[in-house]
């Protein structure tokens, strides 16, 4: 996945706020850096689930985070049911169920194709257009008639 959808209200999310309260701004960094790493290795066959060498995973935080801090962060996100983890020897297993919902449009199309859904229905609710495209259209209409 090239990018994931970042919810604009993430800064006021209670769980992320709790992480910032515990870790300072590193809490925000830990959360979104973990999602970035998982997204970069996103597998449409197993969406939201990753397996990494733990040392490699820790190194992805540019040596700004130590092992103890990373594990404490993961324990908290697991309790909050945001990112689940299992560290087994040198291997870490991560699961972020919501990541599947935050995929870019291309990846979303691939997931829908694999599930048998009609990929042309992406971005629609009950067959009617919705989402950002419709919002842009409304803004254009407002601009043109103002």
Protein backbone atom coordinates (compact mmCIF):
# COMPACT_ATOMS: atom_id res chain seq x y z
CA UNK A 1 0.00 0.00 0.00
CA UNK A 2 1.43 3.35 -1.02
CA UNK A 3 -0.48 5.37 1.59
CA UNK A 4 -3.18 4.98 4.20
CA UNK A 5 -6.05 7.24 5.16
CA UNK A 6 -5.14 9.40 8.14
CA UNK A 7 -8.26 10.49 9.97
CA UNK A 8 -8.18 14.28 10.45
CA UNK A 9 -9.44 13.96 14.03
CA UNK A 10 -6.61 11.63 15.08
CA UNK A 11 -5.11 14.40 17.21
CA UNK A 12 -8.23 14.38 19.39
CA UNK A 13 -8.65 10.58 19.49
CA UNK A 14 -8.81 9.44 23.13
CA UNK A 15 -6.50 6.44 22.64
CA UNK A 16 -3.87 8.51 20.82
CA UNK A 17 -4.27 11.21 23.47
CA UNK A 18 -3.56 8.58 26.14
CA UNK A 19 -0.40 7.55 24.27
CA UNK A 20 0.75 11.17 24.14
CA UNK A 21 -0.01 11.47 27.86
CA UNK A 22 2.23 8.47 28.59
CA UNK A 23 5.02 8.92 26.03
CA UNK A 24 4.79 12.61 25.13
CA UNK A 25 4.94 13.34 21.39
CA UNK A 26 6.72 9.99 20.98
CA UNK A 27 3.30 8.39 21.54
CA UNK A 28 1.97 10.00 18.38
CA UNK A 29 5.16 9.08 16.52
CA UNK A 30 5.04 5.46 17.76
CA UNK A 31 1.44 5.04 16.68
CA UNK A 32 1.73 6.46 13.20
CA UNK A 33 5.21 5.08 12.51
CA UNK A 34 3.93 1.59 13.39
CA UNK A 35 0.98 2.06 11.00
CA UNK A 36 3.38 3.31 8.30
CA UNK A 37 5.62 0.24 8.69
CA UNK A 38 2.63 -2.08 8.60
CA UNK A 39 1.21 -0.27 5.55
CA UNK A 40 4.50 -0.47 3.67
CA UNK A 41 4.40 -4.25 4.09
CA UNK A 42 0.62 -4.56 3.58
CA UNK A 43 -0.48 -7.90 2.19
CA UNK A 44 -3.88 -8.12 0.48
CA UNK A 45 -3.91 -11.85 1.24
CA UNK A 46 -3.66 -11.09 4.96
CA UNK A 47 -4.80 -7.45 5.40
CA UNK A 48 -3.71 -5.66 8.56
CA UNK A 49 -1.44 -8.49 9.68
CA UNK A 50 2.34 -8.45 9.52
CA UNK A 51 5.23 -10.63 10.61
CA UNK A 52 8.63 -9.02 11.12
CA UNK A 53 12.03 -9.77 12.51
CA UNK A 54 11.82 -7.85 15.79
CA UNK A 55 15.29 -6.28 15.44
CA UNK A 56 14.40 -5.05 11.94
CA UNK A 57 11.08 -3.65 13.22
CA UNK A 58 12.79 -1.82 16.10
CA UNK A 59 15.37 -0.38 13.68
CA UNK A 60 12.54 1.19 11.63
CA UNK A 61 12.12 3.74 14.41
CA UNK A 62 15.49 5.30 13.47
CA UNK A 63 17.03 4.38 16.83
CA UNK A 64 14.79 6.97 18.51
CA UNK A 65 12.84 4.29 20.39
CA UNK A 66 14.29 1.58 22.64
CA UNK A 67 12.93 -1.95 22.98
CA UNK A 68 11.36 -1.35 26.40
CA UNK A 69 9.45 1.72 25.17
CA UNK A 70 8.27 -0.05 22.00
CA UNK A 71 6.99 -3.04 23.95
CA UNK A 72 5.21 -0.81 26.48
CA UNK A 73 3.59 1.06 23.58
CA UNK A 74 2.46 -2.22 21.99
CA UNK A 75 1.06 -3.49 25.31
CA UNK A 76 -1.04 -0.32 25.64
CA UNK A 77 -2.32 -0.43 22.04
CA UNK A 78 -3.19 -4.10 22.52
CA UNK A 79 -5.21 -3.31 25.68
CA UNK A 80 -6.99 -0.59 23.72
CA UNK A 81 -7.61 -3.08 20.88
CA UNK A 82 -5.89 -0.91 18.27
CA UNK A 83 -2.74 -2.91 17.42
CA UNK A 84 -2.33 -6.47 18.64
CA UNK A 85 1.09 -8.06 18.92
CA UNK A 86 2.84 -11.27 19.81
CA UNK A 87 6.60 -11.37 20.28
CA UNK A 88 7.89 -14.89 19.83
CA UNK A 89 11.67 -15.08 20.04
CA UNK A 90 13.07 -12.92 17.25
CA UNK A 91 9.73 -12.60 15.46
CA UNK A 92 6.96 -10.10 16.10
CA UNK A 93 3.44 -10.58 14.79
CA UNK A 94 1.30 -7.46 14.44
CA UNK A 95 -2.39 -7.12 13.70
CA UNK A 96 -4.22 -3.83 13.18
CA UNK A 97 -7.78 -4.77 12.13
CA UNK A 98 -8.66 -1.13 11.26
CA UNK A 99 -5.78 -0.88 8.78
CA UNK A 100 -7.86 -2.75 6.21
CA UNK A 101 -10.39 0.12 6.33
CA UNK A 102 -7.69 2.78 5.90
CA UNK A 103 -6.18 1.49 2.66
CA UNK A 104 -5.56 3.62 -0.40
CA UNK A 105 -8.01 3.29 -3.29
CA UNK A 106 -5.82 0.93 -5.33
CA UNK A 107 -5.35 -1.47 -2.41
CA UNK A 108 -9.04 -1.22 -1.55
CA UNK A 109 -9.88 -2.27 -5.12
CA UNK A 110 -7.54 -5.26 -4.83
CA UNK A 111 -9.18 -6.31 -1.55
CA UNK A 112 -12.65 -6.01 -3.08
CA UNK A 113 -11.58 -8.05 -6.13
CA UNK A 114 -10.24 -10.79 -3.86
CA UNK A 115 -13.47 -10.78 -1.84
CA UNK A 116 -15.62 -11.06 -4.96
CA UNK A 117 -17.25 -7.65 -4.53
CA UNK A 118 -17.74 -5.43 -7.55
CA UNK A 119 -14.73 -3.07 -7.56
CA UNK A 120 -16.82 -0.45 -9.42
CA UNK A 121 -18.91 0.05 -6.26
CA UNK A 122 -15.95 1.53 -4.38
CA UNK A 123 -16.81 4.93 -2.95
CA UNK A 124 -20.54 4.35 -3.23
CA UNK A 125 -23.28 3.64 -0.72
CA UNK A 126 -26.25 1.70 -2.08
CA UNK A 127 -25.25 2.66 -5.60
CA UNK A 128 -25.19 6.43 -5.02
CA UNK A 129 -22.02 8.50 -5.09
CA UNK A 130 -20.54 9.52 -1.75
CA UNK A 131 -17.34 10.70 -0.15
CA UNK A 132 -14.68 13.19 -1.21
CA UNK A 133 -15.64 13.33 -4.89
CA UNK A 134 -19.18 14.42 -4.04
CA UNK A 135 -17.85 16.93 -1.48
CA UNK A 136 -15.50 18.46 -4.08
CA UNK A 137 -18.45 18.74 -6.45
CA UNK A 138 -20.50 20.60 -3.82
CA UNK A 139 -17.62 22.99 -3.11
CA UNK A 140 -17.24 23.65 -6.84
CA UNK A 141 -20.94 24.44 -7.13
CA UNK A 142 -20.76 26.81 -4.17
CA UNK A 143 -17.74 28.60 -5.67
CA UNK A 144 -19.36 28.95 -9.07
CA UNK A 145 -22.58 30.45 -7.68
CA UNK A 146 -21.10 32.67 -4.95
